[in-house]
Amino acid sequence: MNENNPPTSPWGGWLLHAVIGTALTVVLAWLAAPPVAVFVAVLAVGIAHEIGDGDFLRANGGPWNGVRDVVAFLPAPIVFVAMHVV
C-alpha cells in the first residue's frame, strides 16, 4: 500500500459523513440547542464541507455528488428533530 494513495472506502466516505453529523448533533443537543437549529447547523456544516471539497463542481461529479454527501450528514439531525416534533 502506498501512503500517498490510501484505499478509498466502498461507501464513498458516507459513513464518515454520518458519524460527523451524529457527533455534531450530540454536541449541540447536549448544549440544549433547539432541534431545528441543530438540523440547520449540521446542514450548514455539510454544505460548507462539500463546497470546500469542490463536490458541487461538474468536474468532480457535481452537483449530485455534493448533494449525496450533504444528505449523508443528516440522518441523526432528522431523527433528533422528529423525536422533538412528534
N, C-alpha and C. Protein backbone atom coordinates (compact mmCIF):
# COMPACT_ATOMS: atom_id res chain seq x y z
N MET A 1 0.84 -1.18 0.00
CA MET A 1 0.00 0.00 0.00
C MET A 1 0.88 1.24 0.00
N ASN A 2 0.59 2.14 -0.88
CA ASN A 2 1.31 3.39 -0.97
C ASN A 2 0.66 4.42 -0.05
N GLU A 3 1.43 5.05 0.81
CA GLU A 3 0.87 6.01 1.76
C GLU A 3 0.30 7.25 1.07
N ASN A 4 0.76 7.51 -0.13
CA ASN A 4 0.25 8.67 -0.87
C ASN A 4 -1.08 8.39 -1.55
N ASN A 5 -1.45 7.14 -1.67
CA ASN A 5 -2.72 6.75 -2.28
C ASN A 5 -3.47 5.81 -1.34
N PRO A 6 -4.07 6.37 -0.28
CA PRO A 6 -4.80 5.47 0.63
C PRO A 6 -5.99 4.84 -0.07
N PRO A 7 -6.38 3.64 0.35
CA PRO A 7 -7.53 2.98 -0.29
C PRO A 7 -8.81 3.78 -0.05
N THR A 8 -9.67 3.79 -1.04
CA THR A 8 -10.93 4.51 -0.90
C THR A 8 -11.97 3.61 -0.26
N SER A 9 -12.87 4.22 0.46
CA SER A 9 -13.92 3.48 1.13
C SER A 9 -14.96 3.02 0.12
N PRO A 10 -15.48 1.81 0.25
CA PRO A 10 -16.56 1.39 -0.65
C PRO A 10 -17.83 2.20 -0.44
N TRP A 11 -17.95 2.88 0.68
CA TRP A 11 -19.11 3.72 0.97
C TRP A 11 -18.91 5.14 0.45
N GLY A 12 -17.77 5.43 -0.11
CA GLY A 12 -17.53 6.77 -0.63
C GLY A 12 -17.41 7.82 0.47
N GLY A 13 -17.09 7.40 1.67
CA GLY A 13 -16.96 8.33 2.77
C GLY A 13 -18.29 8.68 3.43
N TRP A 14 -19.38 8.11 2.96
CA TRP A 14 -20.70 8.45 3.51
C TRP A 14 -20.82 8.07 4.98
N LEU A 15 -20.23 6.97 5.36
CA LEU A 15 -20.30 6.56 6.76
C LEU A 15 -19.59 7.58 7.65
N LEU A 16 -18.45 8.06 7.20
CA LEU A 16 -17.73 9.08 7.97
C LEU A 16 -18.55 10.37 8.05
N HIS A 17 -19.21 10.75 6.97
CA HIS A 17 -20.08 11.93 6.99
C HIS A 17 -21.20 11.75 8.01
N ALA A 18 -21.78 10.56 8.07
CA ALA A 18 -22.86 10.29 9.02
C ALA A 18 -22.34 10.33 10.46
N VAL A 19 -21.14 9.84 10.69
CA VAL A 19 -20.55 9.87 12.03
C VAL A 19 -20.31 11.32 12.46
N ILE A 20 -19.80 12.13 11.58
CA ILE A 20 -19.56 13.55 11.90
C ILE A 20 -20.89 14.25 12.17
N GLY A 21 -21.90 13.99 11.34
CA GLY A 21 -23.22 14.58 11.55
C GLY A 21 -23.82 14.16 12.88
N THR A 22 -23.62 12.89 13.25
CA THR A 22 -24.11 12.40 14.54
C THR A 22 -23.37 13.06 15.70
N ALA A 23 -22.06 13.16 15.59
CA ALA A 23 -21.28 13.79 16.66
C ALA A 23 -21.68 15.25 16.85
N LEU A 24 -21.85 15.97 15.77
CA LEU A 24 -22.26 17.37 15.87
C LEU A 24 -23.66 17.48 16.46
N THR A 25 -24.55 16.58 16.09
CA THR A 25 -25.90 16.56 16.66
C THR A 25 -25.86 16.32 18.16
N VAL A 26 -25.04 15.38 18.59
CA VAL A 26 -24.92 15.06 20.02
C VAL A 26 -24.39 16.27 20.80
N VAL A 27 -23.37 16.91 20.28
CA VAL A 27 -22.79 18.07 20.97
C VAL A 27 -23.81 19.19 21.08
N LEU A 28 -24.49 19.49 19.99
CA LEU A 28 -25.47 20.58 20.01
C LEU A 28 -26.66 20.23 20.89
N ALA A 29 -27.08 18.98 20.90
CA ALA A 29 -28.18 18.57 21.78
C ALA A 29 -27.77 18.68 23.24
N TRP A 30 -26.53 18.32 23.55
CA TRP A 30 -26.02 18.43 24.90
C TRP A 30 -25.97 19.89 25.35
N LEU A 31 -25.74 20.80 24.40
CA LEU A 31 -25.73 22.23 24.70
C LEU A 31 -27.14 22.81 24.73
N ALA A 32 -28.15 21.96 24.56
CA ALA A 32 -29.57 22.35 24.63
C ALA A 32 -30.00 23.28 23.51
N ALA A 33 -29.42 23.08 22.32
CA ALA A 33 -29.85 23.86 21.16
C ALA A 33 -31.22 23.38 20.71
N PRO A 34 -32.06 24.27 20.20
CA PRO A 34 -33.37 23.85 19.68
C PRO A 34 -33.20 22.86 18.53
N PRO A 35 -34.10 21.90 18.40
CA PRO A 35 -33.95 20.85 17.37
C PRO A 35 -33.78 21.39 15.94
N VAL A 36 -34.56 22.38 15.57
CA VAL A 36 -34.43 22.91 14.20
C VAL A 36 -33.08 23.59 14.02
N ALA A 37 -32.58 24.23 15.07
CA ALA A 37 -31.26 24.86 14.99
C ALA A 37 -30.17 23.81 14.82
N VAL A 38 -30.34 22.67 15.46
CA VAL A 38 -29.38 21.57 15.29
C VAL A 38 -29.38 21.11 13.84
N PHE A 39 -30.57 20.91 13.28
CA PHE A 39 -30.68 20.47 11.88
C PHE A 39 -30.01 21.48 10.94
N VAL A 40 -30.31 22.76 11.14
CA VAL A 40 -29.75 23.81 10.26
C VAL A 40 -28.23 23.87 10.41
N ALA A 41 -27.73 23.73 11.64
CA ALA A 41 -26.28 23.78 11.85
C ALA A 41 -25.57 22.62 11.16
N VAL A 42 -26.10 21.41 11.30
CA VAL A 42 -25.48 20.25 10.66
C VAL A 42 -25.57 20.37 9.14
N LEU A 43 -26.70 20.86 8.64
CA LEU A 43 -26.85 21.08 7.20
C LEU A 43 -25.82 22.09 6.71
N ALA A 44 -25.63 23.17 7.46
CA ALA A 44 -24.66 24.20 7.06
C ALA A 44 -23.23 23.66 7.06
N VAL A 45 -22.89 22.85 8.05
CA VAL A 45 -21.56 22.24 8.09
C VAL A 45 -21.38 21.32 6.89
N GLY A 46 -22.40 20.53 6.57
CA GLY A 46 -22.32 19.63 5.42
C GLY A 46 -22.13 20.39 4.11
N ILE A 47 -22.90 21.45 3.94
CA ILE A 47 -22.78 22.24 2.70
C ILE A 47 -21.41 22.90 2.62
N ALA A 48 -20.95 23.49 3.73
CA ALA A 48 -19.63 24.14 3.73
C ALA A 48 -18.52 23.13 3.43
N HIS A 49 -18.64 21.95 4.00
CA HIS A 49 -17.63 20.92 3.76
C HIS A 49 -17.59 20.53 2.28
N GLU A 50 -18.76 20.33 1.70
CA GLU A 50 -18.80 19.91 0.30
C GLU A 50 -18.37 21.02 -0.66
N ILE A 51 -18.66 22.26 -0.31
CA ILE A 51 -18.15 23.38 -1.12
C ILE A 51 -16.63 23.37 -1.06
N GLY A 52 -16.08 23.16 0.14
CA GLY A 52 -14.63 23.09 0.30
C GLY A 52 -14.01 21.95 -0.48
N ASP A 53 -14.69 20.82 -0.53
CA ASP A 53 -14.20 19.67 -1.30
C ASP A 53 -14.34 19.87 -2.80
N GLY A 54 -15.21 20.79 -3.20
CA GLY A 54 -15.47 21.00 -4.61
C GLY A 54 -16.44 19.99 -5.19
N ASP A 55 -17.21 19.33 -4.35
CA ASP A 55 -18.10 18.27 -4.83
C ASP A 55 -19.34 18.79 -5.56
N PHE A 56 -19.57 20.09 -5.54
CA PHE A 56 -20.70 20.63 -6.30
C PHE A 56 -20.28 21.01 -7.72
N LEU A 57 -18.97 20.92 -8.01
CA LEU A 57 -18.48 21.26 -9.35
C LEU A 57 -18.69 20.11 -10.31
N ARG A 58 -19.01 20.44 -11.55
CA ARG A 58 -19.24 19.42 -12.57
C ARG A 58 -18.01 18.53 -12.76
N ALA A 59 -16.83 19.10 -12.65
CA ALA A 59 -15.60 18.33 -12.84
C ALA A 59 -15.43 17.24 -11.78
N ASN A 60 -16.05 17.41 -10.64
CA ASN A 60 -15.95 16.43 -9.56
C ASN A 60 -17.22 15.61 -9.39
N GLY A 61 -18.04 15.56 -10.42
CA GLY A 61 -19.25 14.76 -10.36
C GLY A 61 -20.45 15.52 -9.82
N GLY A 62 -20.30 16.82 -9.70
CA GLY A 62 -21.39 17.64 -9.15
C GLY A 62 -22.46 17.93 -10.16
N PRO A 63 -23.55 18.44 -9.71
CA PRO A 63 -23.85 18.80 -8.33
C PRO A 63 -24.31 17.62 -7.48
N TRP A 64 -24.65 16.49 -8.12
CA TRP A 64 -25.26 15.38 -7.36
C TRP A 64 -24.29 14.72 -6.40
N ASN A 65 -23.01 14.71 -6.71
CA ASN A 65 -22.03 14.16 -5.79
C ASN A 65 -22.05 14.94 -4.47
N GLY A 66 -22.12 16.25 -4.57
CA GLY A 66 -22.19 17.09 -3.38
C GLY A 66 -23.50 16.92 -2.62
N VAL A 67 -24.59 16.81 -3.36
CA VAL A 67 -25.91 16.65 -2.72
C VAL A 67 -25.96 15.34 -1.94
N ARG A 68 -25.48 14.26 -2.54
CA ARG A 68 -25.47 12.96 -1.84
C ARG A 68 -24.63 13.03 -0.57
N ASP A 69 -23.49 13.70 -0.65
CA ASP A 69 -22.63 13.80 0.53
C ASP A 69 -23.26 14.66 1.62
N VAL A 70 -23.96 15.73 1.24
CA VAL A 70 -24.63 16.56 2.24
C VAL A 70 -25.73 15.75 2.92
N VAL A 71 -26.49 14.98 2.15
CA VAL A 71 -27.55 14.15 2.73
C VAL A 71 -26.98 13.13 3.70
N ALA A 72 -25.75 12.68 3.47
CA ALA A 72 -25.12 11.70 4.36
C ALA A 72 -24.88 12.28 5.76
N PHE A 73 -24.80 13.60 5.90
CA PHE A 73 -24.64 14.23 7.21
C PHE A 73 -25.93 14.22 8.03
N LEU A 74 -27.08 14.04 7.39
CA LEU A 74 -28.36 14.39 8.00
C LEU A 74 -29.16 13.32 8.75
N PRO A 75 -28.84 12.04 8.74
CA PRO A 75 -29.71 11.09 9.44
C PRO A 75 -29.92 11.40 10.93
N ALA A 76 -28.87 11.71 11.66
CA ALA A 76 -29.01 11.97 13.09
C ALA A 76 -29.82 13.23 13.38
N PRO A 77 -29.57 14.36 12.69
CA PRO A 77 -30.40 15.53 12.99
C PRO A 77 -31.87 15.35 12.59
N ILE A 78 -32.13 14.57 11.55
CA ILE A 78 -33.52 14.32 11.16
C ILE A 78 -34.22 13.53 12.27
N VAL A 79 -33.56 12.52 12.81
CA VAL A 79 -34.14 11.74 13.90
C VAL A 79 -34.33 12.61 15.14
N PHE A 80 -33.35 13.45 15.42
CA PHE A 80 -33.42 14.34 16.58
C PHE A 80 -34.61 15.29 16.47
N VAL A 81 -34.80 15.89 15.31
CA VAL A 81 -35.94 16.79 15.09
C VAL A 81 -37.25 16.00 15.20
N ALA A 82 -37.31 14.83 14.60
CA ALA A 82 -38.53 14.03 14.63
C ALA A 82 -38.91 13.63 16.05
N MET A 83 -37.93 13.35 16.88
CA MET A 83 -38.21 12.97 18.27
C MET A 83 -38.79 14.14 19.07
N HIS A 84 -38.44 15.35 18.69
CA HIS A 84 -38.90 16.51 19.45
C HIS A 84 -40.15 17.15 18.87
N VAL A 85 -40.45 16.88 17.62
CA VAL A 85 -41.64 17.47 16.99
C VAL A 85 -42.86 16.61 17.26
N VAL A 86 -42.69 15.31 17.24
CA VAL A 86 -43.82 14.39 17.41
C VAL A 86 -44.17 14.21 18.86
